[in-house]
Amino acid sequence: MDGKRIRSLRKERGMTLNQLSEYSGVSKSYISYVERGLQKNPSIEILSKLSKAMDITFIELIKHMEK
């Protein structure tokens, strides 16, 4: 999974890292690790929280990350 795609999706949605963290309940540092590729396998629970916060389906998020 490519965390850079999470960053691009977040930016497409006009969200800051702080906003995504606040809306998802996932720590800013963890999201940053995912986006920078330091955390390569976030759990389904984390990805689900991120997708809900960005107002997309879990499947759309996964597809976006696999491109």
N, C-alpha and C. Protein backbone atom coordinates (compact mmCIF):
# COMPACT_ATOMS: atom_id res chain seq x y z
N MET A 1 0.84 -1.18 0.00
CA MET A 1 0.00 0.00 0.00
C MET A 1 0.88 1.24 0.00
N ASP A 2 0.48 2.19 -0.77
CA ASP A 2 1.25 3.41 -0.93
C ASP A 2 0.62 4.53 -0.10
N GLY A 3 1.27 4.87 1.01
CA GLY A 3 0.76 5.91 1.89
C GLY A 3 0.73 7.29 1.25
N LYS A 4 1.56 7.50 0.24
CA LYS A 4 1.56 8.80 -0.45
C LYS A 4 0.21 9.06 -1.09
N ARG A 5 -0.48 8.00 -1.43
CA ARG A 5 -1.81 8.15 -2.03
C ARG A 5 -2.83 8.63 -1.00
N ILE A 6 -2.63 8.24 0.26
CA ILE A 6 -3.50 8.76 1.31
C ILE A 6 -3.29 10.27 1.41
N ARG A 7 -2.02 10.69 1.37
CA ARG A 7 -1.72 12.13 1.44
C ARG A 7 -2.37 12.87 0.27
N SER A 8 -2.25 12.33 -0.94
CA SER A 8 -2.83 13.02 -2.09
C SER A 8 -4.35 13.06 -1.99
N LEU A 9 -4.96 12.00 -1.52
CA LEU A 9 -6.40 11.97 -1.34
C LEU A 9 -6.84 12.98 -0.29
N ARG A 10 -6.08 13.05 0.81
CA ARG A 10 -6.39 14.01 1.87
C ARG A 10 -6.32 15.44 1.32
N LYS A 11 -5.29 15.71 0.54
CA LYS A 11 -5.12 17.06 -0.02
C LYS A 11 -6.21 17.36 -1.06
N GLU A 12 -6.59 16.36 -1.85
CA GLU A 12 -7.70 16.54 -2.80
C GLU A 12 -8.97 16.95 -2.08
N ARG A 13 -9.13 16.43 -0.87
CA ARG A 13 -10.32 16.73 -0.07
C ARG A 13 -10.17 18.07 0.67
N GLY A 14 -9.00 18.71 0.52
CA GLY A 14 -8.76 20.00 1.17
C GLY A 14 -8.57 19.89 2.67
N MET A 15 -8.08 18.75 3.13
CA MET A 15 -7.91 18.52 4.56
C MET A 15 -6.45 18.62 4.97
N THR A 16 -6.23 19.17 6.15
CA THR A 16 -4.89 19.17 6.73
C THR A 16 -4.70 17.86 7.50
N LEU A 17 -3.47 17.58 7.84
CA LEU A 17 -3.18 16.41 8.66
C LEU A 17 -3.91 16.51 10.00
N ASN A 18 -3.92 17.71 10.57
CA ASN A 18 -4.63 17.92 11.85
C ASN A 18 -6.12 17.63 11.72
N GLN A 19 -6.73 18.09 10.63
CA GLN A 19 -8.16 17.85 10.44
C GLN A 19 -8.46 16.37 10.28
N LEU A 20 -7.67 15.68 9.47
CA LEU A 20 -7.90 14.25 9.28
C LEU A 20 -7.76 13.51 10.60
N SER A 21 -6.78 13.90 11.39
CA SER A 21 -6.60 13.28 12.69
C SER A 21 -7.80 13.53 13.59
N GLU A 22 -8.25 14.77 13.62
CA GLU A 22 -9.39 15.13 14.46
C GLU A 22 -10.66 14.40 14.04
N TYR A 23 -10.94 14.38 12.74
CA TYR A 23 -12.17 13.76 12.24
C TYR A 23 -12.15 12.23 12.34
N SER A 24 -10.95 11.64 12.23
CA SER A 24 -10.87 10.18 12.23
C SER A 24 -10.61 9.57 13.60
N GLY A 25 -10.03 10.36 14.50
CA GLY A 25 -9.66 9.81 15.80
C GLY A 25 -8.35 9.05 15.76
N VAL A 26 -7.62 9.17 14.66
CA VAL A 26 -6.31 8.53 14.51
C VAL A 26 -5.25 9.60 14.76
N SER A 27 -4.22 9.26 15.51
CA SER A 27 -3.23 10.27 15.86
C SER A 27 -2.55 10.85 14.62
N LYS A 28 -2.21 12.12 14.73
CA LYS A 28 -1.54 12.82 13.64
C LYS A 28 -0.21 12.14 13.31
N SER A 29 0.52 11.71 14.32
CA SER A 29 1.81 11.07 14.06
C SER A 29 1.64 9.75 13.32
N TYR A 30 0.61 8.99 13.66
CA TYR A 30 0.39 7.72 12.98
C TYR A 30 0.03 7.95 11.51
N ILE A 31 -0.86 8.91 11.26
CA ILE A 31 -1.23 9.22 9.87
C ILE A 31 0.01 9.67 9.10
N SER A 32 0.84 10.47 9.73
CA SER A 32 2.07 10.93 9.09
C SER A 32 2.97 9.75 8.75
N TYR A 33 3.10 8.79 9.66
CA TYR A 33 3.90 7.59 9.39
C TYR A 33 3.36 6.83 8.19
N VAL A 34 2.04 6.71 8.12
CA VAL A 34 1.41 6.01 6.99
C VAL A 34 1.70 6.76 5.69
N GLU A 35 1.48 8.08 5.71
CA GLU A 35 1.68 8.88 4.50
C GLU A 35 3.13 8.86 4.02
N ARG A 36 4.08 8.79 4.94
CA ARG A 36 5.50 8.80 4.57
C ARG A 36 6.05 7.40 4.31
N GLY A 37 5.21 6.39 4.46
CA GLY A 37 5.63 5.02 4.17
C GLY A 37 6.40 4.36 5.30
N LEU A 38 6.42 4.97 6.48
CA LEU A 38 7.10 4.37 7.62
C LEU A 38 6.23 3.30 8.27
N GLN A 39 4.93 3.43 8.15
CA GLN A 39 3.97 2.42 8.60
C GLN A 39 3.32 1.87 7.34
N LYS A 40 3.74 0.67 6.93
CA LYS A 40 3.34 0.14 5.64
C LYS A 40 2.04 -0.67 5.65
N ASN A 41 1.62 -1.13 6.80
CA ASN A 41 0.43 -1.98 6.87
C ASN A 41 -0.54 -1.51 7.94
N PRO A 42 -1.21 -0.38 7.72
CA PRO A 42 -2.20 0.05 8.71
C PRO A 42 -3.35 -0.96 8.78
N SER A 43 -3.93 -1.07 9.94
CA SER A 43 -5.01 -2.04 10.14
C SER A 43 -6.28 -1.62 9.38
N ILE A 44 -7.16 -2.58 9.22
CA ILE A 44 -8.45 -2.32 8.59
C ILE A 44 -9.21 -1.28 9.40
N GLU A 45 -9.11 -1.34 10.71
CA GLU A 45 -9.79 -0.37 11.57
C GLU A 45 -9.30 1.06 11.29
N ILE A 46 -8.00 1.24 11.18
CA ILE A 46 -7.43 2.56 10.90
C ILE A 46 -7.88 3.05 9.53
N LEU A 47 -7.77 2.19 8.52
CA LEU A 47 -8.17 2.57 7.17
C LEU A 47 -9.66 2.91 7.11
N SER A 48 -10.45 2.19 7.86
CA SER A 48 -11.89 2.46 7.91
C SER A 48 -12.15 3.85 8.51
N LYS A 49 -11.45 4.18 9.58
CA LYS A 49 -11.61 5.49 10.21
C LYS A 49 -11.19 6.61 9.25
N LEU A 50 -10.09 6.39 8.54
CA LEU A 50 -9.60 7.40 7.60
C LEU A 50 -10.58 7.59 6.45
N SER A 51 -11.12 6.48 5.94
CA SER A 51 -12.07 6.59 4.82
C SER A 51 -13.32 7.34 5.24
N LYS A 52 -13.84 7.05 6.42
CA LYS A 52 -15.04 7.75 6.90
C LYS A 52 -14.75 9.24 7.07
N ALA A 53 -13.59 9.56 7.60
CA ALA A 53 -13.24 10.97 7.82
C ALA A 53 -13.10 11.73 6.50
N MET A 54 -12.69 11.01 5.44
CA MET A 54 -12.53 11.65 4.13
C MET A 54 -13.77 11.50 3.25
N ASP A 55 -14.82 10.92 3.83
CA ASP A 55 -16.11 10.76 3.17
C ASP A 55 -16.02 9.94 1.87
N ILE A 56 -15.29 8.84 1.96
CA ILE A 56 -15.25 7.87 0.86
C ILE A 56 -15.45 6.48 1.45
N THR A 57 -15.78 5.53 0.60
CA THR A 57 -15.96 4.17 1.10
C THR A 57 -14.59 3.54 1.35
N PHE A 58 -14.62 2.55 2.19
CA PHE A 58 -13.40 1.79 2.49
C PHE A 58 -12.80 1.22 1.20
N ILE A 59 -13.65 0.67 0.34
CA ILE A 59 -13.20 0.08 -0.93
C ILE A 59 -12.54 1.13 -1.82
N GLU A 60 -13.13 2.33 -1.89
CA GLU A 60 -12.54 3.40 -2.70
C GLU A 60 -11.15 3.76 -2.17
N LEU A 61 -11.00 3.79 -0.85
CA LEU A 61 -9.70 4.10 -0.26
C LEU A 61 -8.67 3.04 -0.63
N ILE A 62 -9.05 1.80 -0.51
CA ILE A 62 -8.13 0.71 -0.85
C ILE A 62 -7.74 0.76 -2.32
N LYS A 63 -8.71 0.96 -3.18
CA LYS A 63 -8.42 1.06 -4.62
C LYS A 63 -7.48 2.22 -4.90
N HIS A 64 -7.71 3.34 -4.23
CA HIS A 64 -6.87 4.52 -4.44
C HIS A 64 -5.43 4.23 -3.99
N MET A 65 -5.27 3.48 -2.92
CA MET A 65 -3.94 3.18 -2.38
C MET A 65 -3.19 2.18 -3.25
N GLU A 66 -3.89 1.37 -4.01
CA GLU A 66 -3.25 0.32 -4.81
C GLU A 66 -2.88 0.78 -6.21
N LYS A 67 -3.24 1.98 -6.61
CA LYS A 67 -2.95 2.47 -7.96
C LYS A 67 -1.47 2.59 -8.18
